[in-house]
């Protein structure tokens, strides 16, 4: 049978499966490439199987991330681990590098094979604001992260996203049901220890 006729006899599903599609990285490939220096000096992360190149951190970004790290380390009890600007081994297709991740776990727990879900993730955002509000937010919601803070350096405020739930229109099929804005004049509390009030002005640069 001629190739053209064979093509016409294919089902729609078979045609879709045979069509060219993006190559997706898995976690092992990504980590091996990174360890081998494949990405050079580029700041990258693995999100949904895709390698995403990030902009270098500005001085306000660095200052803000370190302020948040120091304050969270002070207010969270000893049984929590505060991890700054490190790879979060979320799943086989995603290895994001949040500015701050807080885990209710021991250091040995973090060495385990089963990925842990942070009780809080913070991203300092300027050039990446739209990305952090959409693709990153959907990824974190899909992982069940209950408390996600975007330290918005453009509008000088903190955006707190909570209540992860299924949302079919989001990149990873999940999103956050609530977003609350906190300005410099207000205080914000981690969901995990809601009795503690932090001045937003102490967190922003």
C-alpha atoms as a PDB file:
ATOM      1  CA  UNK A   1       0.000   0.000   0.000  1.00  0.00           C
ATOM      2  CA  UNK A   2       1.415   3.448  -0.889  1.00  0.00           C
ATOM      3  CA  UNK A   3       2.697   5.478   2.057  1.00  0.00           C
ATOM      4  CA  UNK A   4       0.094   8.194   1.458  1.00  0.00           C
ATOM      5  CA  UNK A   5      -2.744   5.678   1.758  1.00  0.00           C
ATOM      6  CA  UNK A   6      -1.203   4.141   4.863  1.00  0.00           C
ATOM      7  CA  UNK A   7      -1.113   7.631   6.376  1.00  0.00           C
ATOM      8  CA  UNK A   8      -4.785   8.188   5.542  1.00  0.00           C
ATOM      9  CA  UNK A   9      -5.724   4.946   7.293  1.00  0.00           C
ATOM     10  CA  UNK A  10      -4.077   5.988  10.574  1.00  0.00           C
ATOM     11  CA  UNK A  11      -6.366   6.921  13.425  1.00  0.00           C
ATOM     12  CA  UNK A  12      -6.253  10.454  14.812  1.00  0.00           C
ATOM     13  CA  UNK A  13      -4.561   9.146  17.971  1.00  0.00           C
ATOM     14  CA  UNK A  14      -1.865   7.348  15.960  1.00  0.00           C
ATOM     15  CA  UNK A  15      -1.198  10.512  13.953  1.00  0.00           C
ATOM     16  CA  UNK A  16      -0.811  12.553  17.142  1.00  0.00           C
ATOM     17  CA  UNK A  17       1.566   9.990  18.646  1.00  0.00           C
ATOM     18  CA  UNK A  18       3.751   9.933  15.525  1.00  0.00           C
ATOM     19  CA  UNK A  19       3.955  13.734  15.225  1.00  0.00           C
ATOM     20  CA  UNK A  20       7.165  15.518  16.306  1.00  0.00           C
ATOM     21  CA  UNK A  21       7.074  16.594  19.946  1.00  0.00           C
ATOM     22  CA  UNK A  22       9.452  18.299  22.394  1.00  0.00           C
ATOM     23  CA  UNK A  23      12.141  16.209  24.066  1.00  0.00           C
ATOM     24  CA  UNK A  24      11.607  16.241  27.833  1.00  0.00           C
ATOM     25  CA  UNK A  25      14.452  15.841  30.289  1.00  0.00           C
ATOM     26  CA  UNK A  26      14.143  13.680  33.368  1.00  0.00           C
ATOM     27  CA  UNK A  27      15.765  14.393  36.719  1.00  0.00           C
ATOM     28  CA  UNK A  28      18.673  11.981  36.325  1.00  0.00           C
ATOM     29  CA  UNK A  29      19.654  13.376  32.922  1.00  0.00           C
ATOM     30  CA  UNK A  30      19.408  16.929  34.223  1.00  0.00           C
ATOM     31  CA  UNK A  31      21.535  16.281  37.302  1.00  0.00           C
ATOM     32  CA  UNK A  32      24.189  14.381  35.330  1.00  0.00           C
ATOM     33  CA  UNK A  33      24.405  17.184  32.764  1.00  0.00           C
ATOM     34  CA  UNK A  34      24.678  19.755  35.520  1.00  0.00           C
ATOM     35  CA  UNK A  35      27.407  17.828  37.350  1.00  0.00           C
ATOM     36  CA  UNK A  36      29.318  17.491  34.070  1.00  0.00           C
ATOM     37  CA  UNK A  37      29.275  21.262  33.606  1.00  0.00           C
ATOM     38  CA  UNK A  38      27.028  21.076  30.538  1.00  0.00           C
ATOM     39  CA  UNK A  39      25.231  24.311  31.432  1.00  0.00           C
ATOM     40  CA  UNK A  40      28.426  26.218  32.201  1.00  0.00           C
ATOM     41  CA  UNK A  41      27.820  29.391  34.207  1.00  0.00           C
ATOM     42  CA  UNK A  42      24.165  29.586  33.188  1.00  0.00           C
ATOM     43  CA  UNK A  43      21.591  29.586  35.990  1.00  0.00           C
ATOM     44  CA  UNK A  44      19.041  26.974  34.966  1.00  0.00           C
ATOM     45  CA  UNK A  45      16.342  24.795  36.506  1.00  0.00           C
ATOM     46  CA  UNK A  46      14.256  21.840  35.333  1.00  0.00           C
ATOM     47  CA  UNK A  47      10.529  22.596  35.186  1.00  0.00           C
ATOM     48  CA  UNK A  48       8.116  20.060  33.740  1.00  0.00           C
ATOM     49  CA  UNK A  49      10.892  18.370  31.771  1.00  0.00           C
ATOM     50  CA  UNK A  50      12.086  21.636  30.201  1.00  0.00           C
ATOM     51  CA  UNK A  51      15.373  23.410  30.933  1.00  0.00           C
ATOM     52  CA  UNK A  52      14.598  26.995  31.907  1.00  0.00           C
ATOM     53  CA  UNK A  53      17.376  29.595  31.901  1.00  0.00           C
ATOM     54  CA  UNK A  54      17.042  32.223  34.623  1.00  0.00           C
ATOM     55  CA  UNK A  55      18.441  35.741  34.780  1.00  0.00           C
ATOM     56  CA  UNK A  56      21.366  36.479  37.124  1.00  0.00           C
ATOM     57  CA  UNK A  57      20.251  37.722  40.520  1.00  0.00           C
ATOM     58  CA  UNK A  58      20.259  41.486  41.032  1.00  0.00           C
ATOM     59  CA  UNK A  59      21.510  43.082  44.259  1.00  0.00           C
ATOM     60  CA  UNK A  60      17.930  43.747  45.523  1.00  0.00           C
ATOM     61  CA  UNK A  61      17.092  40.105  44.817  1.00  0.00           C
ATOM     62  CA  UNK A  62      20.100  38.839  46.767  1.00  0.00           C
ATOM     63  CA  UNK A  63      19.448  41.186  49.696  1.00  0.00           C
ATOM     64  CA  UNK A  64      15.763  40.274  49.853  1.00  0.00           C
ATOM     65  CA  UNK A  65      16.386  36.508  49.678  1.00  0.00           C
ATOM     66  CA  UNK A  66      18.933  36.702  52.489  1.00  0.00           C
ATOM     67  CA  UNK A  67      16.675  38.884  54.656  1.00  0.00           C
ATOM     68  CA  UNK A  68      13.838  36.381  54.276  1.00  0.00           C
ATOM     69  CA  UNK A  69      16.171  33.478  55.039  1.00  0.00           C
ATOM     70  CA  UNK A  70      17.465  35.070  58.244  1.00  0.00           C
ATOM     71  CA  UNK A  71      14.015  36.061  59.527  1.00  0.00           C
ATOM     72  CA  UNK A  72      12.428  32.684  58.794  1.00  0.00           C
ATOM     73  CA  UNK A  73      15.327  30.898  60.461  1.00  0.00           C
ATOM     74  CA  UNK A  74      14.693  32.984  63.582  1.00  0.00           C
ATOM     75  CA  UNK A  75      10.936  32.406  63.818  1.00  0.00           C
ATOM     76  CA  UNK A  76      10.599  28.742  62.836  1.00  0.00           C
ATOM     77  CA  UNK A  77      11.161  26.144  65.594  1.00  0.00           C
ATOM     78  CA  UNK A  78      14.220  23.889  65.542  1.00  0.00           C
ATOM     79  CA  UNK A  79      12.395  20.969  63.931  1.00  0.00           C
ATOM     80  CA  UNK A  80      12.066  22.932  60.672  1.00  0.00           C
ATOM     81  CA  UNK A  81      14.756  23.228  57.988  1.00  0.00           C
ATOM     82  CA  UNK A  82      15.192  26.496  56.063  1.00  0.00           C
ATOM     83  CA  UNK A  83      16.884  25.922  52.703  1.00  0.00           C
ATOM     84  CA  UNK A  84      18.049  28.866  50.603  1.00  0.00           C
ATOM     85  CA  UNK A  85      18.559  28.946  46.826  1.00  0.00           C
ATOM     86  CA  UNK A  86      19.052  25.199  46.468  1.00  0.00           C
ATOM     87  CA  UNK A  87      17.632  22.579  44.140  1.00  0.00           C
ATOM     88  CA  UNK A  88      14.293  21.210  45.322  1.00  0.00           C
ATOM     89  CA  UNK A  89      13.993  17.614  44.062  1.00  0.00           C
ATOM     90  CA  UNK A  90      10.241  17.836  43.519  1.00  0.00           C
ATOM     91  CA  UNK A  91       9.762  14.939  41.088  1.00  0.00           C
ATOM     92  CA  UNK A  92      11.364  13.305  38.056  1.00  0.00           C
ATOM     93  CA  UNK A  93      10.438  16.147  35.696  1.00  0.00           C
ATOM     94  CA  UNK A  94      10.948  19.152  37.952  1.00  0.00           C
ATOM     95  CA  UNK A  95      13.971  20.345  39.940  1.00  0.00           C
ATOM     96  CA  UNK A  96      13.158  23.986  40.702  1.00  0.00           C
ATOM     97  CA  UNK A  97      15.464  26.234  42.705  1.00  0.00           C
ATOM     98  CA  UNK A  98      13.233  28.350  44.953  1.00  0.00           C
ATOM     99  CA  UNK A  99      14.847  31.233  46.787  1.00  0.00           C
ATOM    100  CA  UNK A 100      13.606  29.822  50.106  1.00  0.00           C
ATOM    101  CA  UNK A 101      11.990  26.485  50.981  1.00  0.00           C
ATOM    102  CA  UNK A 102      10.905  25.539  54.509  1.00  0.00           C
ATOM    103  CA  UNK A 103      10.552  21.853  55.406  1.00  0.00           C
ATOM    104  CA  UNK A 104       9.110  20.283  58.557  1.00  0.00           C
ATOM    105  CA  UNK A 105      11.758  17.582  58.535  1.00  0.00           C
ATOM    106  CA  UNK A 106      15.233  16.603  59.650  1.00  0.00           C
ATOM    107  CA  UNK A 107      18.307  16.891  57.439  1.00  0.00           C
ATOM    108  CA  UNK A 108      18.316  13.096  57.142  1.00  0.00           C
ATOM    109  CA  UNK A 109      14.710  13.222  55.939  1.00  0.00           C
ATOM    110  CA  UNK A 110      15.827  15.519  53.126  1.00  0.00           C
ATOM    111  CA  UNK A 111      18.348  12.862  52.041  1.00  0.00           C
ATOM    112  CA  UNK A 112      15.584  10.283  51.569  1.00  0.00           C
ATOM    113  CA  UNK A 113      14.323   8.997  48.222  1.00  0.00           C
ATOM    114  CA  UNK A 114      10.758  10.274  48.720  1.00  0.00           C
ATOM    115  CA  UNK A 115      10.387  13.971  47.814  1.00  0.00           C
ATOM    116  CA  UNK A 116       9.152  16.079  50.728  1.00  0.00           C
ATOM    117  CA  UNK A 117       6.632  18.885  50.360  1.00  0.00           C
ATOM    118  CA  UNK A 118       7.777  22.241  51.798  1.00  0.00           C
ATOM    119  CA  UNK A 119       5.385  23.948  54.200  1.00  0.00           C
ATOM    120  CA  UNK A 120       6.421  27.280  52.646  1.00  0.00           C
ATOM    121  CA  UNK A 121       8.147  28.384  49.461  1.00  0.00           C
ATOM    122  CA  UNK A 122       9.282  31.968  48.798  1.00  0.00           C
ATOM    123  CA  UNK A 123      10.321  33.379  45.418  1.00  0.00           C
ATOM    124  CA  UNK A 124      11.867  36.831  45.074  1.00  0.00           C
ATOM    125  CA  UNK A 125      10.473  38.221  41.824  1.00  0.00           C
ATOM    126  CA  UNK A 126      11.317  41.039  39.469  1.00  0.00           C
ATOM    127  CA  UNK A 127      12.170  39.893  35.940  1.00  0.00           C
ATOM    128  CA  UNK A 128      10.518  36.526  36.676  1.00  0.00           C
ATOM    129  CA  UNK A 129       7.276  37.907  38.146  1.00  0.00           C
ATOM    130  CA  UNK A 130       4.922  36.652  35.424  1.00  0.00           C
ATOM    131  CA  UNK A 131       6.665  33.260  35.405  1.00  0.00           C
ATOM    132  CA  UNK A 132       6.489  32.935  39.196  1.00  0.00           C
ATOM    133  CA  UNK A 133       2.774  33.813  39.182  1.00  0.00           C
ATOM    134  CA  UNK A 134       1.879  31.270  36.503  1.00  0.00           C
ATOM    135  CA  UNK A 135       4.095  28.303  35.694  1.00  0.00           C
ATOM    136  CA  UNK A 136       5.935  28.235  39.035  1.00  0.00           C
ATOM    137  CA  UNK A 137       2.696  28.747  40.975  1.00  0.00           C
ATOM    138  CA  UNK A 138       1.002  25.922  39.090  1.00  0.00           C
ATOM    139  CA  UNK A 139       3.954  23.597  39.695  1.00  0.00           C
ATOM    140  CA  UNK A 140       4.032  24.323  43.433  1.00  0.00           C
ATOM    141  CA  UNK A 141       0.266  23.907  43.682  1.00  0.00           C
ATOM    142  CA  UNK A 142       0.483  20.555  41.873  1.00  0.00           C
ATOM    143  CA  UNK A 143       3.015  19.408  44.482  1.00  0.00           C
ATOM    144  CA  UNK A 144       0.674  20.411  47.308  1.00  0.00           C
ATOM    145  CA  UNK A 145       2.773  23.292  48.680  1.00  0.00           C
ATOM    146  CA  UNK A 146       0.246  24.978  51.005  1.00  0.00           C
ATOM    147  CA  UNK A 147       1.891  28.388  51.365  1.00  0.00           C
ATOM    148  CA  UNK A 148       3.631  30.195  48.474  1.00  0.00           C
ATOM    149  CA  UNK A 149       4.978  33.739  48.837  1.00  0.00           C
ATOM    150  CA  UNK A 150       5.993  35.923  45.918  1.00  0.00           C
ATOM    151  CA  UNK A 151       8.128  38.840  47.093  1.00  0.00           C
ATOM    152  CA  UNK A 152       7.192  41.241  44.331  1.00  0.00           C
ATOM    153  CA  UNK A 153      10.038  43.742  43.915  1.00  0.00           C
ATOM    154  CA  UNK A 154       8.276  45.561  41.084  1.00  0.00           C
ATOM    155  CA  UNK A 155       5.156  46.533  43.054  1.00  0.00           C
ATOM    156  CA  UNK A 156       6.927  46.476  46.445  1.00  0.00           C
ATOM    157  CA  UNK A 157       4.623  43.954  48.113  1.00  0.00           C
ATOM    158  CA  UNK A 158       4.236  40.307  49.051  1.00  0.00           C
ATOM    159  CA  UNK A 159       1.677  38.106  47.291  1.00  0.00           C
ATOM    160  CA  UNK A 160       0.625  35.117  49.388  1.00  0.00           C
ATOM    161  CA  UNK A 161      -0.911  32.208  47.472  1.00  0.00           C
ATOM    162  CA  UNK A 162      -2.735  29.450  49.355  1.00  0.00           C
ATOM    163  CA  UNK A 163      -5.310  26.661  48.965  1.00  0.00           C
ATOM    164  CA  UNK A 164      -3.815  24.572  46.131  1.00  0.00           C
ATOM    165  CA  UNK A 165      -6.495  22.858  44.045  1.00  0.00           C
ATOM    166  CA  UNK A 166      -7.133  21.380  40.623  1.00  0.00           C
ATOM    167  CA  UNK A 167      -7.456  23.964  37.832  1.00  0.00           C
ATOM    168  CA  UNK A 168      -7.640  22.587  34.317  1.00  0.00           C
ATOM    169  CA  UNK A 169      -6.527  25.868  32.701  1.00  0.00           C
ATOM    170  CA  UNK A 170      -3.200  25.974  34.575  1.00  0.00           C
ATOM    171  CA  UNK A 171       0.105  24.631  33.132  1.00  0.00           C
ATOM    172  CA  UNK A 172       0.329  21.686  35.547  1.00  0.00           C
ATOM    173  CA  UNK A 173      -3.410  21.258  36.110  1.00  0.00           C
ATOM    174  CA  UNK A 174      -3.337  22.932  39.530  1.00  0.00           C
ATOM    175  CA  UNK A 175      -3.370  26.461  40.903  1.00  0.00           C
ATOM    176  CA  UNK A 176      -3.984  28.417  44.095  1.00  0.00           C
ATOM    177  CA  UNK A 177      -7.515  29.249  45.197  1.00  0.00           C
ATOM    178  CA  UNK A 178      -6.589  32.388  47.119  1.00  0.00           C
ATOM    179  CA  UNK A 179      -4.138  35.260  46.664  1.00  0.00           C
ATOM    180  CA  UNK A 180      -3.699  37.909  49.358  1.00  0.00           C
ATOM    181  CA  UNK A 181      -1.641  41.079  48.905  1.00  0.00           C
ATOM    182  CA  UNK A 182       0.446  42.468  51.791  1.00  0.00           C
ATOM    183  CA  UNK A 183       1.978  45.954  51.558  1.00  0.00           C
ATOM    184  CA  UNK A 184       4.931  47.410  53.476  1.00  0.00           C
ATOM    185  CA  UNK A 185       2.626  48.810  56.151  1.00  0.00           C
ATOM    186  CA  UNK A 186       1.216  45.364  56.985  1.00  0.00           C
ATOM    187  CA  UNK A 187       2.367  42.146  58.614  1.00  0.00           C
ATOM    188  CA  UNK A 188       2.345  38.620  57.223  1.00  0.00           C
ATOM    189  CA  UNK A 189       2.297  35.221  58.941  1.00  0.00           C
ATOM    190  CA  UNK A 190       3.440  31.815  57.674  1.00  0.00           C
ATOM    191  CA  UNK A 191       0.495  29.437  57.459  1.00  0.00           C
ATOM    192  CA  UNK A 192       2.466  26.870  59.463  1.00  0.00           C
ATOM    193  CA  UNK A 193       2.952  29.215  62.460  1.00  0.00           C
ATOM    194  CA  UNK A 194       0.148  31.722  62.045  1.00  0.00           C
ATOM    195  CA  UNK A 195       0.652  33.242  65.496  1.00  0.00           C
ATOM    196  CA  UNK A 196       3.877  34.943  64.391  1.00  0.00           C
ATOM    197  CA  UNK A 197       3.572  38.345  62.722  1.00  0.00           C
ATOM    198  CA  UNK A 198       6.376  39.569  60.413  1.00  0.00           C
ATOM    199  CA  UNK A 199       6.537  43.141  59.193  1.00  0.00           C
ATOM    200  CA  UNK A 200       6.530  43.137  55.401  1.00  0.00           C
ATOM    201  CA  UNK A 201       9.010  46.031  55.480  1.00  0.00           C
ATOM    202  CA  UNK A 202      11.486  43.713  57.230  1.00  0.00           C
ATOM    203  CA  UNK A 203      11.291  41.213  54.367  1.00  0.00           C
ATOM    204  CA  UNK A 204      11.459  43.509  51.350  1.00  0.00           C
ATOM    205  CA  UNK A 205      14.709  45.298  50.406  1.00  0.00           C
END
